Amino acid sequence: MPDFSSNFLFSDFFSPDFHKAIIFISSSIWVVIWKGFALWHSARHNQKWWFLVFMISNTLGVLEIIYLFFFKAQDPWKNKIISKAKTTEFGSPIKEEKKNLKKS
């Protein structure tokens, strides 16, 4: 007959190997998330050296966090969205419209 006592049910939970497994899994998820964001941003901004550093190094996400908060390049898509918003209803840029007004 199997032993269903409380010691049997929770013996694996209190073992040191279980805690090591939990720490390993949680740190792996932490590293994958930060490394993914850093690799994506460095590839998107065509920063090849940063991309190579992130692929080779493993600093538990510390280097990736430093890059994302301090060294990440500006987003090139922001300028394109702003320039599209500053157009007239016919699609000509506002600067050309101002030039036409100055000529007349």
PDB file of N, CA and C in Angstrom:
ATOM      1  N   MET A   1       0.841  -1.169   0.000  1.00  0.00           N
ATOM      2  CA  MET A   1       0.000   0.000   0.000  1.00  0.00           C
ATOM      3  C   MET A   1       0.896   1.245   0.000  1.00  0.00           C
ATOM      4  N   PRO A   2       0.610   2.236  -0.877  1.00  0.00           N
ATOM      5  CA  PRO A   2       1.443   3.438  -0.950  1.00  0.00           C
ATOM      6  C   PRO A   2       1.311   4.287   0.310  1.00  0.00           C
ATOM      7  N   ASP A   3       2.381   4.999   0.601  1.00  0.00           N
ATOM      8  CA  ASP A   3       2.412   5.873   1.770  1.00  0.00           C
ATOM      9  C   ASP A   3       1.911   7.261   1.369  1.00  0.00           C
ATOM     10  N   PHE A   4       0.778   7.697   1.914  1.00  0.00           N
ATOM     11  CA  PHE A   4       0.192   8.995   1.606  1.00  0.00           C
ATOM     12  C   PHE A   4       0.315   9.963   2.772  1.00  0.00           C
ATOM     13  N   SER A   5       1.297   9.805   3.579  1.00  0.00           N
ATOM     14  CA  SER A   5       1.475  10.704   4.708  1.00  0.00           C
ATOM     15  C   SER A   5       1.972  12.063   4.218  1.00  0.00           C
ATOM     16  N   SER A   6       1.900  13.058   5.053  1.00  0.00           N
ATOM     17  CA  SER A   6       2.317  14.410   4.663  1.00  0.00           C
ATOM     18  C   SER A   6       3.806  14.472   4.375  1.00  0.00           C
ATOM     19  N   ASN A   7       4.603  13.669   5.033  1.00  0.00           N
ATOM     20  CA  ASN A   7       6.035  13.655   4.764  1.00  0.00           C
ATOM     21  C   ASN A   7       6.326  13.151   3.353  1.00  0.00           C
ATOM     22  N   PHE A   8       5.542  12.199   2.902  1.00  0.00           N
ATOM     23  CA  PHE A   8       5.752  11.648   1.561  1.00  0.00           C
ATOM     24  C   PHE A   8       5.354  12.657   0.485  1.00  0.00           C
ATOM     25  N   LEU A   9       4.258  13.360   0.699  1.00  0.00           N
ATOM     26  CA  LEU A   9       3.759  14.279  -0.321  1.00  0.00           C
ATOM     27  C   LEU A   9       4.659  15.500  -0.500  1.00  0.00           C
ATOM     28  N   PHE A  10       5.250  15.995   0.568  1.00  0.00           N
ATOM     29  CA  PHE A  10       6.027  17.225   0.489  1.00  0.00           C
ATOM     30  C   PHE A  10       7.530  17.008   0.587  1.00  0.00           C
ATOM     31  N   SER A  11       7.967  15.786   0.519  1.00  0.00           N
ATOM     32  CA  SER A  11       9.399  15.525   0.655  1.00  0.00           C
ATOM     33  C   SER A  11      10.194  16.096  -0.514  1.00  0.00           C
ATOM     34  N   ASP A  12       9.648  16.054  -1.729  1.00  0.00           N
ATOM     35  CA  ASP A  12      10.349  16.609  -2.886  1.00  0.00           C
ATOM     36  C   ASP A  12      10.389  18.138  -2.846  1.00  0.00           C
ATOM     37  N   PHE A  13       9.362  18.756  -2.278  1.00  0.00           N
ATOM     38  CA  PHE A  13       9.301  20.214  -2.226  1.00  0.00           C
ATOM     39  C   PHE A  13      10.396  20.800  -1.345  1.00  0.00           C
ATOM     40  N   PHE A  14      10.739  20.128  -0.282  1.00  0.00           N
ATOM     41  CA  PHE A  14      11.739  20.634   0.653  1.00  0.00           C
ATOM     42  C   PHE A  14      13.149  20.158   0.345  1.00  0.00           C
ATOM     43  N   SER A  15      13.343  19.425  -0.707  1.00  0.00           N
ATOM     44  CA  SER A  15      14.687  18.944  -1.031  1.00  0.00           C
ATOM     45  C   SER A  15      15.508  20.071  -1.657  1.00  0.00           C
ATOM     46  N   PRO A  16      16.822  20.061  -1.443  1.00  0.00           N
ATOM     47  CA  PRO A  16      17.673  21.109  -2.030  1.00  0.00           C
ATOM     48  C   PRO A  16      17.686  21.072  -3.556  1.00  0.00           C
ATOM     49  N   ASP A  17      17.512  19.909  -4.122  1.00  0.00           N
ATOM     50  CA  ASP A  17      17.502  19.810  -5.588  1.00  0.00           C
ATOM     51  C   ASP A  17      16.299  20.523  -6.192  1.00  0.00           C
ATOM     52  N   PHE A  18      15.174  20.493  -5.505  1.00  0.00           N
ATOM     53  CA  PHE A  18      13.976  21.172  -5.999  1.00  0.00           C
ATOM     54  C   PHE A  18      14.195  22.682  -6.014  1.00  0.00           C
ATOM     55  N   HIS A  19      14.812  23.224  -4.989  1.00  0.00           N
ATOM     56  CA  HIS A  19      15.091  24.660  -4.938  1.00  0.00           C
ATOM     57  C   HIS A  19      16.096  25.062  -6.019  1.00  0.00           C
ATOM     58  N   LYS A  20      17.068  24.223  -6.264  1.00  0.00           N
ATOM     59  CA  LYS A  20      18.020  24.504  -7.339  1.00  0.00           C
ATOM     60  C   LYS A  20      17.330  24.518  -8.692  1.00  0.00           C
ATOM     61  N   ALA A  21      16.400  23.613  -8.888  1.00  0.00           N
ATOM     62  CA  ALA A  21      15.665  23.567 -10.155  1.00  0.00           C
ATOM     63  C   ALA A  21      14.804  24.811 -10.337  1.00  0.00           C
ATOM     64  N   ILE A  22      14.142  25.249  -9.283  1.00  0.00           N
ATOM     65  CA  ILE A  22      13.306  26.458  -9.347  1.00  0.00           C
ATOM     66  C   ILE A  22      14.160  27.679  -9.645  1.00  0.00           C
ATOM     67  N   ILE A  23      15.306  27.803  -8.994  1.00  0.00           N
ATOM     68  CA  ILE A  23      16.201  28.935  -9.249  1.00  0.00           C
ATOM     69  C   ILE A  23      16.717  28.893 -10.677  1.00  0.00           C
ATOM     70  N   PHE A  24      17.076  27.726 -11.163  1.00  0.00           N
ATOM     71  CA  PHE A  24      17.565  27.595 -12.537  1.00  0.00           C
ATOM     72  C   PHE A  24      16.498  27.970 -13.553  1.00  0.00           C
ATOM     73  N   ILE A  25      15.294  27.481 -13.366  1.00  0.00           N
ATOM     74  CA  ILE A  25      14.208  27.772 -14.313  1.00  0.00           C
ATOM     75  C   ILE A  25      13.847  29.254 -14.291  1.00  0.00           C
ATOM     76  N   SER A  26      13.738  29.842 -13.105  1.00  0.00           N
ATOM     77  CA  SER A  26      13.361  31.265 -13.036  1.00  0.00           C
ATOM     78  C   SER A  26      14.464  32.157 -13.593  1.00  0.00           C
ATOM     79  N   SER A  27      15.737  31.843 -13.335  1.00  0.00           N
ATOM     80  CA  SER A  27      16.813  32.657 -13.902  1.00  0.00           C
ATOM     81  C   SER A  27      16.907  32.471 -15.413  1.00  0.00           C
ATOM     82  N   SER A  28      16.594  31.289 -15.912  1.00  0.00           N
ATOM     83  CA  SER A  28      16.598  31.068 -17.366  1.00  0.00           C
ATOM     84  C   SER A  28      15.517  31.895 -18.047  1.00  0.00           C
ATOM     85  N   ILE A  29      14.345  31.937 -17.452  1.00  0.00           N
ATOM     86  CA  ILE A  29      13.257  32.757 -18.017  1.00  0.00           C
ATOM     87  C   ILE A  29      13.638  34.227 -17.979  1.00  0.00           C
ATOM     88  N   TRP A  30      14.228  34.693 -16.876  1.00  0.00           N
ATOM     89  CA  TRP A  30      14.690  36.075 -16.738  1.00  0.00           C
ATOM     90  C   TRP A  30      15.676  36.431 -17.849  1.00  0.00           C
ATOM     91  N   VAL A  31      16.660  35.577 -18.075  1.00  0.00           N
ATOM     92  CA  VAL A  31      17.704  35.837 -19.070  1.00  0.00           C
ATOM     93  C   VAL A  31      17.120  35.835 -20.480  1.00  0.00           C
ATOM     94  N   VAL A  32      16.244  34.900 -20.773  1.00  0.00           N
ATOM     95  CA  VAL A  32      15.670  34.816 -22.124  1.00  0.00           C
ATOM     96  C   VAL A  32      14.853  36.065 -22.445  1.00  0.00           C
ATOM     97  N   ILE A  33      14.105  36.563 -21.493  1.00  0.00           N
ATOM     98  CA  ILE A  33      13.284  37.763 -21.735  1.00  0.00           C
ATOM     99  C   ILE A  33      14.168  38.970 -22.021  1.00  0.00           C
ATOM    100  N   TRP A  34      15.148  39.249 -21.152  1.00  0.00           N
ATOM    101  CA  TRP A  34      15.994  40.428 -21.333  1.00  0.00           C
ATOM    102  C   TRP A  34      16.887  40.286 -22.562  1.00  0.00           C
ATOM    103  N   LYS A  35      17.433  39.098 -22.793  1.00  0.00           N
ATOM    104  CA  LYS A  35      18.298  38.890 -23.950  1.00  0.00           C
ATOM    105  C   LYS A  35      17.484  39.036 -25.240  1.00  0.00           C
ATOM    106  N   GLY A  36      16.253  38.564 -25.230  1.00  0.00           N
ATOM    107  CA  GLY A  36      15.394  38.708 -26.400  1.00  0.00           C
ATOM    108  C   GLY A  36      15.129  40.162 -26.750  1.00  0.00           C
ATOM    109  N   PHE A  37      14.783  40.968 -25.733  1.00  0.00           N
ATOM    110  CA  PHE A  37      14.556  42.395 -25.980  1.00  0.00           C
ATOM    111  C   PHE A  37      15.822  43.090 -26.485  1.00  0.00           C
ATOM    112  N   ALA A  38      16.956  42.790 -25.861  1.00  0.00           N
ATOM    113  CA  ALA A  38      18.209  43.440 -26.251  1.00  0.00           C
ATOM    114  C   ALA A  38      18.624  43.024 -27.661  1.00  0.00           C
ATOM    115  N   LEU A  39      18.508  41.751 -27.986  1.00  0.00           N
ATOM    116  CA  LEU A  39      18.859  41.293 -29.335  1.00  0.00           C
ATOM    117  C   LEU A  39      17.931  41.904 -30.373  1.00  0.00           C
ATOM    118  N   TRP A  40      16.655  41.992 -30.052  1.00  0.00           N
ATOM    119  CA  TRP A  40      15.700  42.543 -31.008  1.00  0.00           C
ATOM    120  C   TRP A  40      15.999  44.019 -31.277  1.00  0.00           C
ATOM    121  N   HIS A  41      16.259  44.787 -30.210  1.00  0.00           N
ATOM    122  CA  HIS A  41      16.542  46.216 -30.401  1.00  0.00           C
ATOM    123  C   HIS A  41      17.872  46.431 -31.124  1.00  0.00           C
ATOM    124  N   SER A  42      18.895  45.661 -30.779  1.00  0.00           N
ATOM    125  CA  SER A  42      20.188  45.853 -31.446  1.00  0.00           C
ATOM    126  C   SER A  42      20.115  45.445 -32.921  1.00  0.00           C
ATOM    127  N   ALA A  43      19.365  44.426 -33.238  1.00  0.00           N
ATOM    128  CA  ALA A  43      19.213  44.034 -34.650  1.00  0.00           C
ATOM    129  C   ALA A  43      18.366  45.054 -35.410  1.00  0.00           C
ATOM    130  N   ARG A  44      17.340  45.565 -34.773  1.00  0.00           N
ATOM    131  CA  ARG A  44      16.457  46.538 -35.426  1.00  0.00           C
ATOM    132  C   ARG A  44      17.185  47.837 -35.739  1.00  0.00           C
ATOM    133  N   HIS A  45      18.124  48.231 -34.867  1.00  0.00           N
ATOM    134  CA  HIS A  45      18.865  49.471 -35.059  1.00  0.00           C
ATOM    135  C   HIS A  45      20.198  49.249 -35.758  1.00  0.00           C
ATOM    136  N   ASN A  46      20.396  48.051 -36.281  1.00  0.00           N
ATOM    137  CA  ASN A  46      21.592  47.708 -37.062  1.00  0.00           C
ATOM    138  C   ASN A  46      22.880  47.937 -36.255  1.00  0.00           C
ATOM    139  N   GLN A  47      22.876  47.516 -35.003  1.00  0.00           N
ATOM    140  CA  GLN A  47      24.033  47.609 -34.129  1.00  0.00           C
ATOM    141  C   GLN A  47      24.647  46.214 -34.011  1.00  0.00           C
ATOM    142  N   LYS A  48      25.516  45.893 -34.971  1.00  0.00           N
ATOM    143  CA  LYS A  48      26.047  44.539 -35.087  1.00  0.00           C
ATOM    144  C   LYS A  48      26.928  44.147 -33.908  1.00  0.00           C
ATOM    145  N   TRP A  49      27.723  45.077 -33.385  1.00  0.00           N
ATOM    146  CA  TRP A  49      28.616  44.748 -32.282  1.00  0.00           C
ATOM    147  C   TRP A  49      27.852  44.447 -31.008  1.00  0.00           C
ATOM    148  N   TRP A  50      26.819  45.200 -30.734  1.00  0.00           N
ATOM    149  CA  TRP A  50      25.998  44.905 -29.571  1.00  0.00           C
ATOM    150  C   TRP A  50      25.334  43.543 -29.723  1.00  0.00           C
ATOM    151  N   PHE A  51      24.851  43.256 -30.922  1.00  0.00           N
ATOM    152  CA  PHE A  51      24.198  41.971 -31.173  1.00  0.00           C
ATOM    153  C   PHE A  51      25.158  40.819 -30.893  1.00  0.00           C
ATOM    154  N   LEU A  52      26.393  40.935 -31.371  1.00  0.00           N
ATOM    155  CA  LEU A  52      27.383  39.877 -31.138  1.00  0.00           C
ATOM    156  C   LEU A  52      27.719  39.733 -29.657  1.00  0.00           C
ATOM    157  N   VAL A  53      27.830  40.840 -28.949  1.00  0.00           N
ATOM    158  CA  VAL A  53      28.122  40.781 -27.518  1.00  0.00           C
ATOM    159  C   VAL A  53      27.003  40.059 -26.777  1.00  0.00           C
ATOM    160  N   PHE A  54      25.749  40.351 -27.127  1.00  0.00           N
ATOM    161  CA  PHE A  54      24.631  39.699 -26.454  1.00  0.00           C
ATOM    162  C   PHE A  54      24.549  38.210 -26.786  1.00  0.00           C
ATOM    163  N   MET A  55      24.921  37.846 -28.000  1.00  0.00           N
ATOM    164  CA  MET A  55      24.892  36.434 -28.381  1.00  0.00           C
ATOM    165  C   MET A  55      25.962  35.635 -27.640  1.00  0.00           C
ATOM    166  N   ILE A  56      27.114  36.242 -27.394  1.00  0.00           N
ATOM    167  CA  ILE A  56      28.234  35.515 -26.796  1.00  0.00           C
ATOM    168  C   ILE A  56      28.191  35.540 -25.274  1.00  0.00           C
ATOM    169  N   SER A  57      27.853  36.672 -24.702  1.00  0.00           N
ATOM    170  CA  SER A  57      27.953  36.823 -23.245  1.00  0.00           C
ATOM    171  C   SER A  57      26.706  36.299 -22.538  1.00  0.00           C
ATOM    172  N   ASN A  58      26.907  35.969 -21.276  1.00  0.00           N
ATOM    173  CA  ASN A  58      25.800  35.589 -20.417  1.00  0.00           C
ATOM    174  C   ASN A  58      26.023  36.221 -19.058  1.00  0.00           C
ATOM    175  N   THR A  59      25.360  37.340 -18.809  1.00  0.00           N
ATOM    176  CA  THR A  59      25.548  38.084 -17.565  1.00  0.00           C
ATOM    177  C   THR A  59      24.269  38.121 -16.737  1.00  0.00           C
ATOM    178  N   LEU A  60      23.410  37.136 -16.903  1.00  0.00           N
ATOM    179  CA  LEU A  60      22.120  37.064 -16.208  1.00  0.00           C
ATOM    180  C   LEU A  60      21.257  38.291 -16.446  1.00  0.00           C
ATOM    181  N   GLY A  61      21.366  38.869 -17.624  1.00  0.00           N
ATOM    182  CA  GLY A  61      20.520  39.981 -18.010  1.00  0.00           C
ATOM    183  C   GLY A  61      21.028  41.345 -17.614  1.00  0.00           C
ATOM    184  N   VAL A  62      22.133  41.415 -16.898  1.00  0.00           N
ATOM    185  CA  VAL A  62      22.629  42.716 -16.418  1.00  0.00           C
ATOM    186  C   VAL A  62      23.096  43.575 -17.590  1.00  0.00           C
ATOM    187  N   LEU A  63      23.911  43.033 -18.469  1.00  0.00           N
ATOM    188  CA  LEU A  63      24.399  43.795 -19.621  1.00  0.00           C
ATOM    189  C   LEU A  63      23.250  44.191 -20.541  1.00  0.00           C
ATOM    190  N   GLU A  64      22.287  43.317 -20.708  1.00  0.00           N
ATOM    191  CA  GLU A  64      21.135  43.617 -21.554  1.00  0.00           C
ATOM    192  C   GLU A  64      20.301  44.765 -20.976  1.00  0.00           C
ATOM    193  N   ILE A  65      20.119  44.771 -19.672  1.00  0.00           N
ATOM    194  CA  ILE A  65      19.355  45.846 -19.027  1.00  0.00           C
ATOM    195  C   ILE A  65      20.094  47.180 -19.162  1.00  0.00           C
ATOM    196  N   ILE A  66      21.406  47.161 -18.965  1.00  0.00           N
ATOM    197  CA  ILE A  66      22.204  48.385 -19.120  1.00  0.00           C
ATOM    198  C   ILE A  66      22.087  48.910 -20.543  1.00  0.00           C
ATOM    199  N   TYR A  67      22.172  48.024 -21.525  1.00  0.00           N
ATOM    200  CA  TYR A  67      22.044  48.448 -22.924  1.00  0.00           C
ATOM    201  C   TYR A  67      20.668  49.060 -23.188  1.00  0.00           C
ATOM    202  N   LEU A  68      19.622  48.378 -22.755  1.00  0.00           N
ATOM    203  CA  LEU A  68      18.268  48.846 -23.061  1.00  0.00           C
ATOM    204  C   LEU A  68      17.955  50.191 -22.414  1.00  0.00           C
ATOM    205  N   PHE A  69      18.503  50.465 -21.253  1.00  0.00           N
ATOM    206  CA  PHE A  69      18.178  51.720 -20.580  1.00  0.00           C
ATOM    207  C   PHE A  69      19.147  52.858 -20.883  1.00  0.00           C
ATOM    208  N   PHE A  70      20.393  52.551 -21.297  1.00  0.00           N
ATOM    209  CA  PHE A  70      21.372  53.619 -21.457  1.00  0.00           C
ATOM    210  C   PHE A  70      21.988  53.732 -22.851  1.00  0.00           C
ATOM    211  N   PHE A  71      22.114  52.650 -23.596  1.00  0.00           N
ATOM    212  CA  PHE A  71      22.841  52.682 -24.862  1.00  0.00           C
ATOM    213  C   PHE A  71      21.992  52.401 -26.093  1.00  0.00           C
ATOM    214  N   LYS A  72      20.726  52.159 -25.936  1.00  0.00           N
ATOM    215  CA  LYS A  72      19.862  51.843 -27.066  1.00  0.00           C
ATOM    216  C   LYS A  72      19.746  53.058 -27.982  1.00  0.00           C
ATOM    217  N   ALA A  73      19.812  52.827 -29.275  1.00  0.00           N
ATOM    218  CA  ALA A  73      19.680  53.911 -30.244  1.00  0.00           C
ATOM    219  C   ALA A  73      18.238  54.410 -30.265  1.00  0.00           C
ATOM    220  N   GLN A  74      18.079  55.609 -30.767  1.00  0.00           N
ATOM    221  CA  GLN A  74      16.742  56.167 -30.884  1.00  0.00           C
ATOM    222  C   GLN A  74      15.945  55.387 -31.916  1.00  0.00           C
ATOM    223  N   ASP A  75      14.667  55.333 -31.727  1.00  0.00           N
ATOM    224  CA  ASP A  75      13.797  54.563 -32.607  1.00  0.00           C
ATOM    225  C   ASP A  75      13.609  55.301 -33.926  1.00  0.00           C
ATOM    226  N   PRO A  76      14.031  54.715 -35.053  1.00  0.00           N
ATOM    227  CA  PRO A  76      13.883  55.405 -36.334  1.00  0.00           C
ATOM    228  C   PRO A  76      12.434  55.514 -36.788  1.00  0.00           C
ATOM    229  N   TRP A  77      11.561  54.696 -36.240  1.00  0.00           N
ATOM    230  CA  TRP A  77      10.163  54.737 -36.664  1.00  0.00           C
ATOM    231  C   TRP A  77       9.448  55.966 -36.133  1.00  0.00           C
ATOM    232  N   LYS A  78       9.909  56.523 -35.032  1.00  0.00           N
ATOM    233  CA  LYS A  78       9.256  57.717 -34.484  1.00  0.00           C
ATOM    234  C   LYS A  78       9.347  58.886 -35.453  1.00  0.00           C
ATOM    235  N   ASN A  79      10.492  59.076 -36.094  1.00  0.00           N
ATOM    236  CA  ASN A  79      10.662  60.174 -37.035  1.00  0.00           C
ATOM    237  C   ASN A  79       9.775  59.987 -38.259  1.00  0.00           C
ATOM    238  N   LYS A  80       9.607  58.770 -38.722  1.00  0.00           N
ATOM    239  CA  LYS A  80       8.759  58.526 -39.888  1.00  0.00           C
ATOM    240  C   LYS A  80       7.300  58.791 -39.566  1.00  0.00           C
ATOM    241  N   ILE A  81       6.868  58.423 -38.384  1.00  0.00           N
ATOM    242  CA  ILE A  81       5.477  58.658 -38.009  1.00  0.00           C
ATOM    243  C   ILE A  81       5.217  60.152 -37.871  1.00  0.00           C
ATOM    244  N   ILE A  82       6.130  60.884 -37.280  1.00  0.00           N
ATOM    245  CA  ILE A  82       5.964  62.322 -37.124  1.00  0.00           C
ATOM    246  C   ILE A  82       5.979  63.010 -38.485  1.00  0.00           C
ATOM    247  N   SER A  83       6.873  62.605 -39.395  1.00  0.00           N
ATOM    248  CA  SER A  83       6.939  63.254 -40.693  1.00  0.00           C
ATOM    249  C   SER A  83       5.681  62.970 -41.504  1.00  0.00           C
ATOM    250  N   LYS A  84       5.074  61.799 -41.339  1.00  0.00           N
ATOM    251  CA  LYS A  84       3.829  61.514 -42.051  1.00  0.00           C
ATOM    252  C   LYS A  84       2.674  62.322 -41.468  1.00  0.00           C
ATOM    253  N   ALA A  85       2.729  62.597 -40.176  1.00  0.00           N
ATOM    254  CA  ALA A  85       1.654  63.369 -39.549  1.00  0.00           C
ATOM    255  C   ALA A  85       1.708  64.831 -39.965  1.00  0.00           C
ATOM    256  N   LYS A  86       2.875  65.333 -40.351  1.00  0.00           N
ATOM    257  CA  LYS A  86       3.021  66.740 -40.724  1.00  0.00           C
ATOM    258  C   LYS A  86       2.890  66.917 -42.232  1.00  0.00           C
ATOM    259  N   THR A  87       1.886  66.370 -42.818  1.00  0.00           N
ATOM    260  CA  THR A  87       1.639  66.555 -44.243  1.00  0.00           C
ATOM    261  C   THR A  87       0.282  67.209 -44.426  1.00  0.00           C
ATOM    262  N   THR A  88       0.098  67.809 -45.585  1.00  0.00           N
ATOM    263  CA  THR A  88      -1.192  68.417 -45.881  1.00  0.00           C
ATOM    264  C   THR A  88      -2.162  67.333 -46.310  1.00  0.00           C
ATOM    265  N   GLU A  89      -3.386  67.710 -46.565  1.00  0.00           N
ATOM    266  CA  GLU A  89      -4.385  66.707 -46.920  1.00  0.00           C
ATOM    267  C   GLU A  89      -4.110  66.061 -48.278  1.00  0.00           C
ATOM    268  N   PHE A  90      -3.293  66.691 -49.137  1.00  0.00           N
ATOM    269  CA  PHE A  90      -2.984  66.104 -50.434  1.00  0.00           C
ATOM    270  C   PHE A  90      -1.689  65.303 -50.415  1.00  0.00           C
ATOM    271  N   GLY A  91      -1.046  65.202 -49.257  1.00  0.00           N
ATOM    272  CA  GLY A  91       0.149  64.396 -49.142  1.00  0.00           C
ATOM    273  C   GLY A  91       1.446  65.138 -49.370  1.00  0.00           C
ATOM    274  N   SER A  92       1.389  66.441 -49.691  1.00  0.00           N
ATOM    275  CA  SER A  92       2.628  67.189 -49.868  1.00  0.00           C
ATOM    276  C   SER A  92       3.106  67.679 -48.514  1.00  0.00           C
ATOM    277  N   PRO A  93       4.395  67.667 -48.277  1.00  0.00           N
ATOM    278  CA  PRO A  93       4.908  68.097 -46.976  1.00  0.00           C
ATOM    279  C   PRO A  93       4.613  69.570 -46.698  1.00  0.00           C
ATOM    280  N   ILE A  94       4.559  69.918 -45.454  1.00  0.00           N
ATOM    281  CA  ILE A  94       4.253  71.283 -45.032  1.00  0.00           C
ATOM    282  C   ILE A  94       5.355  72.241 -45.480  1.00  0.00           C
ATOM    283  N   LYS A  95       6.614  71.791 -45.500  1.00  0.00           N
ATOM    284  CA  LYS A  95       7.711  72.660 -45.916  1.00  0.00           C
ATOM    285  C   LYS A  95       7.511  73.144 -47.353  1.00  0.00           C
ATOM    286  N   GLU A  96       7.069  72.264 -48.230  1.00  0.00           N
ATOM    287  CA  GLU A  96       6.826  72.668 -49.624  1.00  0.00           C
ATOM    288  C   GLU A  96       5.694  73.677 -49.692  1.00  0.00           C
ATOM    289  N   GLU A  97       4.692  73.523 -48.864  1.00  0.00           N
ATOM    290  CA  GLU A  97       3.572  74.454 -48.851  1.00  0.00           C
ATOM    291  C   GLU A  97       4.035  75.835 -48.383  1.00  0.00           C
ATOM    292  N   LYS A  98       4.939  75.875 -47.382  1.00  0.00           N
ATOM    293  CA  LYS A  98       5.459  77.150 -46.909  1.00  0.00           C
ATOM    294  C   LYS A  98       6.312  77.819 -47.973  1.00  0.00           C
ATOM    295  N   LYS A  99       7.089  77.018 -48.743  1.00  0.00           N
ATOM    296  CA  LYS A  99       7.892  77.575 -49.832  1.00  0.00           C
ATOM    297  C   LYS A  99       6.997  78.196 -50.880  1.00  0.00           C
ATOM    298  N   ASN A 100       5.889  77.542 -51.194  1.00  0.00           N
ATOM    299  CA  ASN A 100       4.951  78.078 -52.189  1.00  0.00           C
ATOM    300  C   ASN A 100       4.313  79.375 -51.710  1.00  0.00           C
ATOM    301  N   LEU A 101       4.040  79.465 -50.418  1.00  0.00           N
ATOM    302  CA  LEU A 101       3.456  80.690 -49.887  1.00  0.00           C
ATOM    303  C   LEU A 101       4.449  81.846 -49.921  1.00  0.00           C
ATOM    304  N   LYS A 102       5.730  81.563 -49.675  1.00  0.00           N
ATOM    305  CA  LYS A 102       6.754  82.601 -49.712  1.00  0.00           C
ATOM    306  C   LYS A 102       6.975  83.113 -51.119  1.00  0.00           C
ATOM    307  N   LYS A 103       6.845  82.242 -52.113  1.00  0.00           N
ATOM    308  CA  LYS A 103       7.041  82.639 -53.513  1.00  0.00           C
ATOM    309  C   LYS A 103       5.935  83.560 -54.001  1.00  0.00           C
ATOM    310  N   SER A 104       4.724  83.390 -53.476  1.00  0.00           N
ATOM    311  CA  SER A 104       3.610  84.190 -53.968  1.00  0.00           C
ATOM    312  C   SER A 104       3.486  85.527 -53.301  1.00  0.00           C
TER     313      SER A 104
END
